[in-house]
N, C-alpha and C. Protein backbone atom coordinates (compact mmCIF):
# COMPACT_ATOMS: atom_id res chain seq x y z
N MET A 1 1.03 -1.40 -0.01
CA MET A 1 0.37 0.21 -0.19
C MET A 1 1.28 1.20 -0.25
N ASP A 2 0.53 1.87 -0.86
CA ASP A 2 1.41 3.22 -0.45
C ASP A 2 1.12 4.40 -0.20
N ASP A 3 1.79 5.25 0.68
CA ASP A 3 1.77 6.76 1.42
C ASP A 3 0.44 7.10 1.55
N LYS A 4 -0.44 6.61 0.85
CA LYS A 4 -2.13 7.75 0.81
C LYS A 4 -2.56 7.11 1.40
N LYS A 5 -3.31 8.03 1.89
CA LYS A 5 -4.21 7.54 3.08
C LYS A 5 -6.18 6.78 2.54
N LEU A 6 -6.22 6.44 2.90
CA LEU A 6 -7.37 5.17 1.91
C LEU A 6 -8.73 6.12 2.74
N SER A 7 -9.66 6.11 2.47
CA SER A 7 -11.50 6.50 2.23
C SER A 7 -11.64 5.81 3.46
N PRO A 8 -12.28 5.82 4.83
CA PRO A 8 -13.04 4.45 5.07
C PRO A 8 -13.83 4.09 4.29
N ALA A 9 -14.60 4.68 3.52
CA ALA A 9 -15.45 4.16 2.68
C ALA A 9 -14.69 3.51 1.73
N VAL A 10 -13.45 3.75 1.43
CA VAL A 10 -12.59 2.70 0.38
C VAL A 10 -12.52 0.70 1.41
N LEU A 11 -12.40 1.01 2.52
CA LEU A 11 -10.88 0.65 3.89
C LEU A 11 -12.45 -0.09 4.19
N ARG A 12 -14.12 0.09 4.51
CA ARG A 12 -15.29 -0.72 4.88
C ARG A 12 -15.49 -1.82 3.06
N LYS A 13 -15.75 -0.78 1.83
CA LYS A 13 -15.36 -2.09 0.89
C LYS A 13 -14.97 -3.37 1.16
N GLN A 14 -13.43 -2.62 1.11
CA GLN A 14 -12.33 -3.24 1.06
C GLN A 14 -12.65 -4.50 2.01
N GLY A 15 -12.90 -4.78 3.52
CA GLY A 15 -13.05 -5.27 3.79
C GLY A 15 -14.08 -6.50 3.75
N PHE A 16 -15.50 -5.61 3.70
CA PHE A 16 -16.85 -6.52 3.45
C PHE A 16 -15.42 -7.68 2.20
N LEU A 17 -14.84 -7.18 1.04
CA LEU A 17 -14.42 -7.55 -0.11
C LEU A 17 -14.42 -8.98 0.90
N LEU A 18 -12.61 -8.85 1.08
CA LEU A 18 -12.06 -9.67 2.08
C LEU A 18 -12.84 -10.28 2.60
N GLY A 19 -13.88 -10.68 3.90
CA GLY A 19 -14.74 -10.88 4.20
C GLY A 19 -15.41 -12.08 3.64
N MET A 20 -16.40 -11.47 1.97
CA MET A 20 -16.75 -12.34 0.98
C MET A 20 -16.00 -12.93 1.08
N GLY A 21 -14.22 -13.10 0.23
CA GLY A 21 -13.93 -13.44 -0.63
C GLY A 21 -13.55 -14.83 0.20
N LEU A 22 -12.77 -14.65 1.76
CA LEU A 22 -12.45 -15.23 2.28
C LEU A 22 -14.32 -16.17 3.14
N THR A 23 -14.77 -15.67 2.94
CA THR A 23 -16.21 -16.79 2.81
C THR A 23 -16.53 -17.69 2.06
N LEU A 24 -15.96 -17.33 0.71
CA LEU A 24 -16.73 -18.26 -0.20
C LEU A 24 -15.81 -18.58 -0.22
N LEU A 25 -14.83 -19.10 -0.58
CA LEU A 25 -13.45 -19.83 -0.75
C LEU A 25 -13.61 -21.08 0.18
N ILE A 26 -13.63 -20.73 1.79
CA ILE A 26 -13.70 -21.86 2.89
C ILE A 26 -15.07 -22.19 2.87
N ASP A 27 -15.98 -21.58 2.69
CA ASP A 27 -17.65 -22.63 2.62
C ASP A 27 -17.28 -22.89 1.09
N GLY A 28 -16.85 -22.75 -0.09
CA GLY A 28 -16.52 -23.82 -1.55
C GLY A 28 -16.09 -24.99 -0.68
N PHE A 29 -14.33 -25.03 -0.57
CA PHE A 29 -13.48 -25.87 -0.37
C PHE A 29 -14.29 -27.20 1.12
N ILE A 30 -15.16 -26.82 2.07
CA ILE A 30 -15.80 -27.71 2.86
C ILE A 30 -17.60 -28.24 1.32
N ILE A 31 -17.88 -27.13 1.14
CA ILE A 31 -18.19 -27.97 0.11
C ILE A 31 -18.26 -29.44 -0.61
N CYS A 32 -16.96 -28.52 -1.37
CA CYS A 32 -16.24 -29.59 -1.99
C CYS A 32 -16.11 -30.91 -1.38
N LEU A 33 -15.77 -30.86 0.42
CA LEU A 33 -15.12 -32.17 0.67
C LEU A 33 -16.73 -32.37 1.37
N VAL A 34 -17.89 -32.21 1.99
CA VAL A 34 -18.66 -33.14 1.61
C VAL A 34 -19.74 -33.53 0.21
N ASN A 35 -19.40 -32.96 -0.55
CA ASN A 35 -19.51 -33.90 -1.56
C ASN A 35 -18.69 -35.29 -2.11
N PHE A 36 -17.20 -35.03 -2.12
CA PHE A 36 -16.31 -35.98 -2.43
C PHE A 36 -16.28 -36.87 -0.89
N ASN A 37 -17.38 -37.15 0.02
CA ASN A 37 -17.46 -38.02 1.13
C ASN A 37 -16.25 -38.11 2.11
N PHE A 38 -15.76 -36.67 1.59
CA PHE A 38 -14.61 -36.71 2.53
C PHE A 38 -14.71 -36.15 4.55
N ILE A 39 -16.70 -35.43 4.14
CA ILE A 39 -16.67 -35.76 5.30
C ILE A 39 -18.31 -35.99 5.80
N ASN A 40 -18.59 -36.88 6.35
CA ASN A 40 -19.51 -37.19 6.74
C ASN A 40 -20.90 -36.78 6.89
N ALA A 41 -21.30 -36.35 6.16
CA ALA A 41 -22.45 -34.88 6.95
C ALA A 41 -23.34 -34.39 5.65
N THR A 42 -24.75 -34.10 5.49
CA THR A 42 -25.37 -33.45 4.50
C THR A 42 -25.06 -32.05 4.72
N LEU A 43 -25.16 -31.84 3.60
CA LEU A 43 -25.26 -30.12 3.63
C LEU A 43 -26.49 -29.15 4.56
N LYS A 44 -27.27 -30.07 4.57
CA LYS A 44 -28.86 -29.79 5.29
C LYS A 44 -28.37 -30.26 6.49
N GLN A 45 -27.32 -30.41 6.97
CA GLN A 45 -26.88 -30.77 8.77
C GLN A 45 -26.00 -29.83 9.02
N ILE A 46 -25.20 -29.61 7.84
CA ILE A 46 -23.75 -28.12 8.50
C ILE A 46 -23.53 -27.19 7.83
N TRP A 47 -24.71 -26.62 7.18
CA TRP A 47 -25.60 -25.09 6.83
C TRP A 47 -24.58 -24.46 7.71
N PRO A 48 -25.68 -24.48 9.40
CA PRO A 48 -25.59 -22.74 9.98
C PRO A 48 -23.36 -23.30 10.28
N LEU A 49 -22.54 -24.10 9.82
CA LEU A 49 -21.16 -24.23 9.61
C LEU A 49 -21.28 -22.87 8.37
N PHE A 50 -21.41 -23.00 7.30
CA PHE A 50 -21.25 -21.54 6.84
C PHE A 50 -21.37 -20.13 6.75
N VAL A 51 -22.34 -19.79 8.02
CA VAL A 51 -22.99 -18.41 8.97
C VAL A 51 -21.86 -18.27 10.20
N ILE A 52 -21.14 -19.32 10.64
CA ILE A 52 -20.34 -19.17 11.27
C ILE A 52 -18.59 -18.76 10.86
N ILE A 53 -18.38 -19.40 9.76
CA ILE A 53 -17.88 -19.04 8.95
C ILE A 53 -17.56 -17.41 8.31
N ALA A 54 -18.83 -17.23 8.01
CA ALA A 54 -18.86 -15.59 8.04
C ALA A 54 -18.67 -14.90 8.10
N GLY A 55 -19.39 -15.00 10.41
CA GLY A 55 -19.11 -14.25 11.20
C GLY A 55 -17.38 -13.50 11.47
N PHE A 56 -16.73 -15.24 11.23
CA PHE A 56 -15.24 -15.01 12.11
C PHE A 56 -14.19 -14.96 10.84
N CYS A 57 -14.35 -14.86 9.19
CA CYS A 57 -14.12 -14.46 8.43
C CYS A 57 -14.45 -12.91 8.40
N PHE A 58 -15.49 -12.46 8.40
CA PHE A 58 -16.08 -11.41 8.58
C PHE A 58 -14.58 -9.99 9.69
N LEU A 59 -14.50 -10.78 11.04
CA LEU A 59 -13.99 -10.59 12.18
C LEU A 59 -11.92 -10.33 11.20
N GLY A 60 -12.10 -11.37 10.87
CA GLY A 60 -10.64 -11.59 10.91
C GLY A 60 -9.99 -10.52 9.72
N ALA A 61 -11.50 -9.98 8.29
CA ALA A 61 -11.25 -9.07 7.75
C ALA A 61 -10.80 -7.60 7.82
N ASP A 62 -11.47 -7.10 9.45
CA ASP A 62 -11.78 -6.61 9.81
C ASP A 62 -11.03 -5.81 10.84
N LEU A 63 -9.56 -7.75 11.19
CA LEU A 63 -8.61 -6.92 11.88
C LEU A 63 -7.18 -6.95 11.18
N PHE A 64 -7.25 -7.36 10.04
CA PHE A 64 -6.47 -6.95 8.29
C PHE A 64 -6.48 -5.85 8.11
N ILE A 65 -8.10 -5.27 7.77
CA ILE A 65 -7.71 -4.02 7.08
C ILE A 65 -7.63 -2.58 8.56
N TYR A 66 -8.32 -3.05 9.12
CA TYR A 66 -8.36 -1.59 10.29
C TYR A 66 -7.62 -2.15 11.13
N ARG A 67 -6.92 -2.68 11.62
CA ARG A 67 -5.83 -3.43 12.73
C ARG A 67 -6.07 -3.56 14.20
N ARG A 68 -8.20 -3.16 13.85
CA ARG A 68 -8.31 -2.99 15.46
C ARG A 68 -9.92 -3.38 14.65
N LEU A 69 -11.33 -3.76 15.96
CA LEU A 69 -11.99 -4.60 16.23
C LEU A 69 -12.81 -2.88 15.79
N ARG A 70 -13.52 -3.00 15.44
CA ARG A 70 -14.69 -2.21 15.17
C ARG A 70 -16.21 -2.22 14.71
N THR A 71 -16.82 -1.71 15.64
CA THR A 71 -18.06 -1.40 15.43
C THR A 71 -18.99 -2.24 14.57
N ALA A 72 -18.52 -1.27 13.60
CA ALA A 72 -19.41 -2.16 11.65
C ALA A 72 -19.63 -4.00 11.58
N PHE A 73 -18.46 -4.22 12.50
CA PHE A 73 -18.23 -5.53 11.86
C PHE A 73 -18.40 -6.05 12.80
N LEU A 74 -18.11 -5.25 14.00
CA LEU A 74 -17.46 -6.58 15.40
C LEU A 74 -19.16 -6.95 15.31
N PHE A 75 -20.37 -6.33 16.08
CA PHE A 75 -21.76 -6.59 16.35
C PHE A 75 -22.28 -7.90 15.10
N PRO A 76 -22.17 -7.36 14.63
CA PRO A 76 -22.44 -8.18 13.45
C PRO A 76 -22.73 -9.58 12.76
N SER A 77 -20.51 -10.10 13.28
CA SER A 77 -19.96 -11.40 13.30
C SER A 77 -20.50 -11.32 14.21
N ILE A 78 -20.51 -11.31 15.88
CA ILE A 78 -20.46 -12.00 16.58
C ILE A 78 -21.96 -12.41 17.15
N MET A 79 -23.24 -11.43 16.04
CA MET A 79 -24.03 -12.23 16.10
C MET A 79 -24.58 -14.03 14.95
N LEU A 80 -23.63 -13.39 13.75
CA LEU A 80 -23.25 -14.74 13.16
C LEU A 80 -23.43 -15.76 13.90
N ILE A 81 -21.35 -15.37 14.40
CA ILE A 81 -21.05 -17.23 15.23
C ILE A 81 -21.99 -17.36 15.88
N PHE A 82 -23.02 -16.37 17.05
CA PHE A 82 -24.19 -16.91 18.01
C PHE A 82 -24.53 -17.80 17.13
N LEU A 83 -25.60 -17.17 16.16
CA LEU A 83 -26.81 -17.74 15.57
C LEU A 83 -26.36 -19.01 14.83
N GLY A 84 -25.37 -19.12 14.29
CA GLY A 84 -24.44 -19.97 13.47
C GLY A 84 -24.46 -21.10 14.58
N THR A 85 -24.09 -20.74 15.69
CA THR A 85 -23.76 -22.09 16.66
C THR A 85 -25.28 -22.86 17.50
N ALA A 86 -25.61 -21.53 17.40
CA ALA A 86 -27.12 -21.66 17.99
C ALA A 86 -27.73 -23.22 17.44
N PHE A 87 -28.07 -22.57 15.59
CA PHE A 87 -28.86 -23.29 14.67
C PHE A 87 -28.08 -24.93 14.50
N LEU A 88 -26.35 -25.13 14.37
CA LEU A 88 -25.53 -25.46 14.08
C LEU A 88 -25.75 -27.23 15.53
N VAL A 89 -26.04 -26.88 16.58
CA VAL A 89 -26.44 -27.68 17.44
C VAL A 89 -27.29 -28.00 17.19
N PHE A 90 -28.82 -27.63 16.79
CA PHE A 90 -30.17 -27.61 16.25
C PHE A 90 -29.97 -29.10 15.25
N SER A 91 -29.35 -28.24 14.32
CA SER A 91 -29.30 -29.67 12.84
C SER A 91 -28.20 -30.39 13.40
N SER A 92 -27.51 -30.72 14.58
CA SER A 92 -26.53 -32.06 13.97
C SER A 92 -27.25 -32.51 15.46
N ASP A 93 -28.60 -32.20 16.08
CA ASP A 93 -29.20 -33.12 16.48
C ASP A 93 -28.52 -34.18 17.83
N VAL A 94 -28.08 -33.07 18.29
CA VAL A 94 -26.73 -32.44 20.16
C VAL A 94 -27.88 -32.63 20.92
N PHE A 95 -29.48 -32.44 20.67
CA PHE A 95 -30.30 -31.85 22.43
C PHE A 95 -31.51 -32.96 21.30
N ASN A 96 -32.63 -33.50 21.80
CA ASN A 96 -33.33 -34.66 21.24
C ASN A 96 -34.71 -33.87 21.17
N ILE A 97 -34.45 -32.33 21.26
CA ILE A 97 -35.79 -31.05 21.25
C ILE A 97 -35.54 -30.90 19.62
N SER A 98 -36.10 -30.42 18.97
CA SER A 98 -35.65 -29.72 17.32
C SER A 98 -35.75 -27.59 18.05
N PHE A 99 -35.81 -27.11 17.23
CA PHE A 99 -34.90 -25.83 17.41
C PHE A 99 -37.21 -25.44 17.78
N ARG A 100 -37.65 -25.59 17.26
CA ARG A 100 -39.09 -24.61 17.20
C ARG A 100 -39.28 -25.14 18.39
N GLN A 101 -39.26 -26.36 18.97
CA GLN A 101 -39.87 -26.67 20.17
C GLN A 101 -39.56 -25.44 21.55
N PHE A 102 -37.65 -25.80 21.48
CA PHE A 102 -36.99 -25.49 22.72
C PHE A 102 -37.86 -23.80 22.67
N ILE A 103 -37.19 -22.69 20.91
CA ILE A 103 -37.71 -22.14 21.62
C ILE A 103 -39.39 -21.29 21.47
N SER A 104 -39.58 -22.68 21.27
CA SER A 104 -41.54 -22.23 22.10
C SER A 104 -41.35 -21.73 23.99
N VAL A 105 -41.03 -23.18 24.22
CA VAL A 105 -40.95 -23.04 25.37
C VAL A 105 -39.84 -22.18 26.04
N CYS A 106 -38.30 -22.16 25.72
CA CYS A 106 -37.62 -21.07 26.10
C CYS A 106 -37.11 -19.37 25.62
N TRP A 107 -38.15 -19.11 24.98
CA TRP A 107 -37.94 -18.25 24.41
C TRP A 107 -37.11 -17.07 26.02
N PRO A 108 -38.10 -16.74 26.82
CA PRO A 108 -38.35 -16.20 27.27
C PRO A 108 -36.57 -15.90 28.78
N ILE A 109 -35.97 -17.18 28.87
CA ILE A 109 -34.69 -17.51 28.92
C ILE A 109 -33.45 -16.18 28.04
N VAL A 110 -33.37 -16.02 26.94
CA VAL A 110 -33.39 -15.33 26.46
C VAL A 110 -33.72 -13.88 26.45
N LEU A 111 -34.46 -13.60 26.67
CA LEU A 111 -35.16 -12.10 27.26
C LEU A 111 -34.24 -12.31 28.36
N VAL A 112 -34.12 -12.87 29.71
CA VAL A 112 -33.48 -12.57 31.19
C VAL A 112 -32.36 -12.72 30.65
N VAL A 113 -31.49 -13.85 30.20
CA VAL A 113 -29.77 -13.18 29.93
C VAL A 113 -29.24 -11.72 29.56
N PHE A 114 -29.91 -11.86 28.59
CA PHE A 114 -30.47 -10.82 27.57
C PHE A 114 -30.56 -8.89 28.79
N GLY A 115 -31.69 -9.27 29.47
CA GLY A 115 -31.93 -8.20 30.79
C GLY A 115 -30.41 -8.62 31.48
N ILE A 116 -29.75 -9.61 31.87
CA ILE A 116 -28.76 -9.51 32.69
C ILE A 116 -27.73 -9.15 32.20
N LEU A 117 -27.65 -9.02 31.82
CA LEU A 117 -26.30 -8.38 30.45
C LEU A 117 -26.09 -7.26 30.94
N LEU A 118 -26.99 -6.52 30.30
CA LEU A 118 -27.16 -5.24 30.23
C LEU A 118 -27.55 -5.22 31.50
N LEU A 119 -27.60 -5.27 32.93
CA LEU A 119 -27.81 -4.74 34.03
C LEU A 119 -26.12 -4.68 34.81
N PHE A 120 -25.44 -5.52 34.36
CA PHE A 120 -24.30 -6.13 34.56
C PHE A 120 -23.45 -5.28 34.14
N VAL A 121 -23.42 -4.79 33.01
CA VAL A 121 -22.84 -3.77 31.70
C VAL A 121 -23.52 -2.08 32.54
N TYR A 122 -24.22 -1.75 32.96
CA TYR A 122 -24.44 -0.47 33.71
C TYR A 122 -24.42 -0.42 35.38
N GLY A 123 -24.06 -1.68 35.85
CA GLY A 123 -23.53 -1.80 37.15
C GLY A 123 -22.47 -0.78 37.06
N ILE A 124 -21.29 -1.88 36.22
CA ILE A 124 -19.79 -1.16 35.67
C ILE A 124 -19.58 -0.28 35.81
N GLN A 125 -20.28 0.18 35.00
CA GLN A 125 -19.77 1.57 34.88
C GLN A 125 -20.50 2.87 35.57
N ARG A 126 -21.71 2.04 36.44
CA ARG A 126 -22.23 2.86 37.37
C ARG A 126 -21.25 3.27 38.46
N ILE A 127 -20.18 2.03 38.81
CA ILE A 127 -19.23 1.81 40.13
C ILE A 127 -18.44 2.47 39.41
N ASN A 128 -17.90 2.47 38.69
CA ASN A 128 -16.95 3.89 37.91
C ASN A 128 -16.91 4.33 37.57
N ASN A 129 -17.91 5.82 37.74
CA ASN A 129 -18.06 6.84 37.91
C ASN A 129 -18.48 6.71 36.04
N LYS A 130 -18.46 6.26 35.29
CA LYS A 130 -18.55 6.36 33.55
C LYS A 130 -17.07 6.33 33.21
N GLN A 131 -16.15 6.47 33.48
CA GLN A 131 -14.72 5.92 33.47
C GLN A 131 -14.62 5.01 32.65
N PHE A 132 -15.61 3.76 33.22
CA PHE A 132 -15.14 2.66 32.41
C PHE A 132 -16.41 3.03 31.19
N GLN A 133 -15.62 2.65 30.11
CA GLN A 133 -17.02 2.52 29.21
C GLN A 133 -16.96 1.60 28.43
N PHE A 134 -18.23 0.91 27.99
CA PHE A 134 -18.13 -0.89 27.53
C PHE A 134 -18.16 -0.33 26.24
N PRO A 135 -16.73 -1.78 25.79
CA PRO A 135 -15.92 -1.94 24.56
C PRO A 135 -17.00 -1.56 23.13
N TYR A 136 -16.50 0.22 22.44
CA TYR A 136 -16.91 -0.36 21.80
C TYR A 136 -18.65 0.54 21.34
N MET A 137 -18.45 1.07 22.29
CA MET A 137 -20.11 1.77 23.04
C MET A 137 -19.94 3.19 21.86
N GLN A 138 -18.76 4.13 21.45
CA GLN A 138 -18.51 4.85 20.82
C GLN A 138 -18.49 4.58 19.20
N ASP A 139 -19.86 4.97 18.10
CA ASP A 139 -19.20 4.88 16.72
C ASP A 139 -18.18 5.62 16.17
N ASP A 140 -17.50 4.27 15.75
CA ASP A 140 -16.54 4.72 15.12
C ASP A 140 -16.33 4.61 13.39
N THR A 141 -17.72 4.36 13.17
CA THR A 141 -17.49 4.25 11.74
C THR A 141 -17.44 5.68 10.98
N LEU A 142 -17.60 6.18 11.40
CA LEU A 142 -17.28 7.49 10.84
C LEU A 142 -16.13 8.53 10.50
N GLU A 143 -15.14 8.14 11.57
CA GLU A 143 -14.43 8.90 12.21
C GLU A 143 -13.06 8.17 11.11
N GLU A 144 -12.01 9.15 11.12
CA GLU A 144 -11.06 9.13 10.44
C GLU A 144 -9.86 7.82 10.65
N ASP A 145 -8.78 7.45 9.99
CA ASP A 145 -8.20 6.66 10.27
C ASP A 145 -6.81 7.25 10.13
N ASN A 146 -6.30 7.05 11.40
CA ASN A 146 -4.81 7.74 10.19
C ASN A 146 -4.41 6.59 10.80
N TYR A 147 -3.31 6.47 10.19
CA TYR A 147 -2.22 4.58 10.23
C TYR A 147 -0.93 5.85 10.61
């Protein structure tokens, strides 16, 4: 890369393209392994793995392009990894209950856990007189990067 600074929009586009390229490369490799029976599973069972891989690839692309984690990639990547893991557990039959049955019975647990996490973050910020900021609370997607 030459000495000219790239605009944040160009860096976001490069990060997105790098993340998509890595995702497609790894997903294609896994599909080939499944098609040639090197992996004893069907695509119906392992499709959530592709969602998890996308989350990790976008985190890696963000670290590679910006040399730090940014909000624009961090939270979507974490959600992809979390949801992909949840779907993978149910599609690979780890539990004897279907995802639909689990959600219909246990969905309030998700609300309770999310509420506890928010109260925990609020408590830490309150104890530390707002000196402690929850990571990535400021919108850093619009600021200029100085390398």
